[in-house]
Structure formats: structure tokens, C-alpha cells
Amino acid sequence: MAKAASKNAKVKDLKASAEAKNWTKVIRAVRSPKSGAYTFKEQIVHKDKIKEFLAQK
């Protein structure tokens, strides 16, 4: 018979999932100066920093 999960473990999982919802994967197309082809730069960014990431060159 399996043990039931403790209440502390459940609370810890809820906090971790709530924290994970504050992060977003952002993908930006970047043009190569040599060939003119596009490459993609992707990064996981906090939701408050998305505009700053997209403003970078």
C-alpha cells in the first residue's frame, strides 16, 4: 500500500507551479548581417522583462 503525500509536499508543489507561471518562452527572429538569413533567438524570460528582451538588438 502506498503512502499518501504529505500536506507540505502538496503546498510546495502548488507554490512551484504558481512561480513557474511567471516565466515565458520568447522567440525573436534575428537577421544575419552577412547572409541576410533569419535565425531565431529564444530565451525563457520573466513576464515583467519581455518588452526589454524584445527591445534588444
N, C-alpha and C. Protein backbone atom coordinates (compact mmCIF):
# COMPACT_ATOMS: atom_id res chain seq x y z
N MET A 1 0.85 -1.18 0.00
CA MET A 1 0.00 0.00 0.00
C MET A 1 0.89 1.23 0.00
N ALA A 2 0.58 2.19 -0.85
CA ALA A 2 1.38 3.40 -0.99
C ALA A 2 1.02 4.42 0.08
N LYS A 3 2.02 5.20 0.46
CA LYS A 3 1.78 6.26 1.44
C LYS A 3 1.10 7.44 0.76
N ALA A 4 0.27 8.13 1.48
CA ALA A 4 -0.36 9.35 0.96
C ALA A 4 0.67 10.48 1.01
N ALA A 5 0.61 11.37 0.05
CA ALA A 5 1.53 12.51 0.01
C ALA A 5 1.24 13.43 1.19
N SER A 6 2.30 13.95 1.77
CA SER A 6 2.11 14.83 2.92
C SER A 6 1.56 16.18 2.46
N LYS A 7 0.96 16.88 3.38
CA LYS A 7 0.37 18.18 3.07
C LYS A 7 1.46 19.18 2.67
N ASN A 8 2.63 19.11 3.29
CA ASN A 8 3.73 20.02 2.97
C ASN A 8 4.20 19.84 1.53
N ALA A 9 4.24 18.61 1.05
CA ALA A 9 4.67 18.35 -0.32
C ALA A 9 3.67 18.94 -1.31
N LYS A 10 2.40 18.83 -1.00
CA LYS A 10 1.37 19.38 -1.89
C LYS A 10 1.46 20.90 -1.94
N VAL A 11 1.67 21.55 -0.82
CA VAL A 11 1.78 23.00 -0.75
C VAL A 11 3.02 23.47 -1.52
N LYS A 12 4.11 22.74 -1.38
CA LYS A 12 5.35 23.08 -2.08
C LYS A 12 5.16 22.99 -3.60
N ASP A 13 4.43 21.96 -4.06
CA ASP A 13 4.17 21.81 -5.49
C ASP A 13 3.28 22.94 -6.00
N LEU A 14 2.32 23.37 -5.23
CA LEU A 14 1.45 24.47 -5.64
C LEU A 14 2.22 25.77 -5.76
N LYS A 15 3.13 26.03 -4.82
CA LYS A 15 3.94 27.24 -4.87
C LYS A 15 4.87 27.22 -6.08
N ALA A 16 5.45 26.07 -6.36
CA ALA A 16 6.36 25.96 -7.51
C ALA A 16 5.61 26.16 -8.82
N SER A 17 4.41 25.62 -8.93
CA SER A 17 3.65 25.79 -10.17
C SER A 17 3.17 27.22 -10.32
N ALA A 18 2.86 27.89 -9.23
CA ALA A 18 2.46 29.30 -9.30
C ALA A 18 3.64 30.17 -9.73
N GLU A 19 4.83 29.85 -9.26
CA GLU A 19 6.03 30.60 -9.64
C GLU A 19 6.37 30.36 -11.11
N ALA A 20 6.18 29.17 -11.60
CA ALA A 20 6.50 28.83 -12.99
C ALA A 20 5.61 29.58 -13.97
N LYS A 21 4.45 29.96 -13.57
CA LYS A 21 3.53 30.68 -14.46
C LYS A 21 3.99 32.11 -14.73
N ASN A 22 4.99 32.59 -14.01
CA ASN A 22 5.50 33.94 -14.20
C ASN A 22 6.58 34.00 -15.28
N TRP A 23 6.95 32.87 -15.86
CA TRP A 23 8.01 32.82 -16.86
C TRP A 23 7.42 32.49 -18.23
N THR A 24 8.01 33.05 -19.29
CA THR A 24 7.52 32.87 -20.65
C THR A 24 8.69 32.60 -21.58
N LYS A 25 8.47 31.71 -22.55
CA LYS A 25 9.49 31.46 -23.57
C LYS A 25 9.25 32.45 -24.70
N VAL A 26 10.27 33.28 -24.99
CA VAL A 26 10.16 34.32 -26.01
C VAL A 26 11.09 33.94 -27.16
N ILE A 27 10.57 34.00 -28.38
CA ILE A 27 11.36 33.68 -29.57
C ILE A 27 11.38 34.92 -30.45
N ARG A 28 12.59 35.34 -30.86
CA ARG A 28 12.74 36.53 -31.68
C ARG A 28 13.54 36.18 -32.93
N ALA A 29 13.09 36.65 -34.08
CA ALA A 29 13.81 36.44 -35.33
C ALA A 29 14.90 37.50 -35.45
N VAL A 30 16.12 37.06 -35.76
CA VAL A 30 17.27 37.95 -35.89
C VAL A 30 17.86 37.75 -37.28
N ARG A 31 18.08 38.83 -38.00
CA ARG A 31 18.61 38.74 -39.36
C ARG A 31 20.13 38.79 -39.33
N SER A 32 20.77 37.89 -40.04
CA SER A 32 22.23 37.83 -40.12
C SER A 32 22.73 38.94 -41.04
N PRO A 33 23.72 39.72 -40.61
CA PRO A 33 24.24 40.80 -41.46
C PRO A 33 25.00 40.27 -42.68
N LYS A 34 25.60 39.08 -42.57
CA LYS A 34 26.37 38.52 -43.69
C LYS A 34 25.46 37.98 -44.79
N SER A 35 24.61 37.03 -44.44
CA SER A 35 23.84 36.32 -45.45
C SER A 35 22.42 36.85 -45.62
N GLY A 36 21.94 37.58 -44.64
CA GLY A 36 20.57 38.09 -44.71
C GLY A 36 19.54 37.06 -44.28
N ALA A 37 19.98 35.88 -43.90
CA ALA A 37 19.07 34.83 -43.45
C ALA A 37 18.65 35.10 -42.01
N TYR A 38 17.48 34.62 -41.67
CA TYR A 38 16.98 34.80 -40.31
C TYR A 38 17.39 33.62 -39.44
N THR A 39 17.75 33.93 -38.22
CA THR A 39 17.94 32.92 -37.18
C THR A 39 17.02 33.28 -36.04
N PHE A 40 16.81 32.36 -35.16
CA PHE A 40 15.88 32.60 -34.06
C PHE A 40 16.61 32.52 -32.74
N LYS A 41 16.40 33.54 -31.92
CA LYS A 41 16.97 33.58 -30.58
C LYS A 41 15.81 33.35 -29.61
N GLU A 42 15.95 32.33 -28.80
CA GLU A 42 14.89 32.05 -27.84
C GLU A 42 15.46 32.02 -26.43
N GLN A 43 14.64 32.47 -25.50
CA GLN A 43 15.07 32.56 -24.12
C GLN A 43 13.84 32.50 -23.23
N ILE A 44 14.02 31.99 -22.04
CA ILE A 44 12.94 31.98 -21.06
C ILE A 44 13.13 33.22 -20.19
N VAL A 45 12.10 34.07 -20.18
CA VAL A 45 12.18 35.39 -19.57
C VAL A 45 11.03 35.56 -18.58
N HIS A 46 11.28 36.30 -17.52
CA HIS A 46 10.21 36.63 -16.58
C HIS A 46 9.19 37.52 -17.29
N LYS A 47 7.94 37.37 -16.97
CA LYS A 47 6.89 38.09 -17.71
C LYS A 47 7.03 39.61 -17.61
N ASP A 48 7.69 40.11 -16.59
CA ASP A 48 7.88 41.55 -16.45
C ASP A 48 9.01 42.07 -17.35
N LYS A 49 9.86 41.20 -17.87
CA LYS A 49 11.03 41.60 -18.65
C LYS A 49 10.88 41.32 -20.15
N ILE A 50 9.70 40.95 -20.62
CA ILE A 50 9.50 40.59 -22.03
C ILE A 50 9.79 41.76 -22.96
N LYS A 51 9.27 42.93 -22.65
CA LYS A 51 9.47 44.10 -23.52
C LYS A 51 10.94 44.47 -23.62
N GLU A 52 11.68 44.34 -22.52
CA GLU A 52 13.12 44.63 -22.54
C GLU A 52 13.86 43.64 -23.43
N PHE A 53 13.48 42.38 -23.39
CA PHE A 53 14.12 41.37 -24.22
C PHE A 53 13.87 41.64 -25.71
N LEU A 54 12.66 42.01 -26.05
CA LEU A 54 12.32 42.25 -27.44
C LEU A 54 12.93 43.57 -27.95
N ALA A 55 13.24 44.50 -27.06
CA ALA A 55 13.82 45.77 -27.46
C ALA A 55 15.31 45.66 -27.74
N GLN A 56 15.98 44.61 -27.28
CA GLN A 56 17.40 44.43 -27.51
C GLN A 56 17.69 44.20 -28.98
N LYS A 57 18.88 44.58 -29.41
CA LYS A 57 19.29 44.32 -30.81
C LYS A 57 20.27 43.22 -30.86
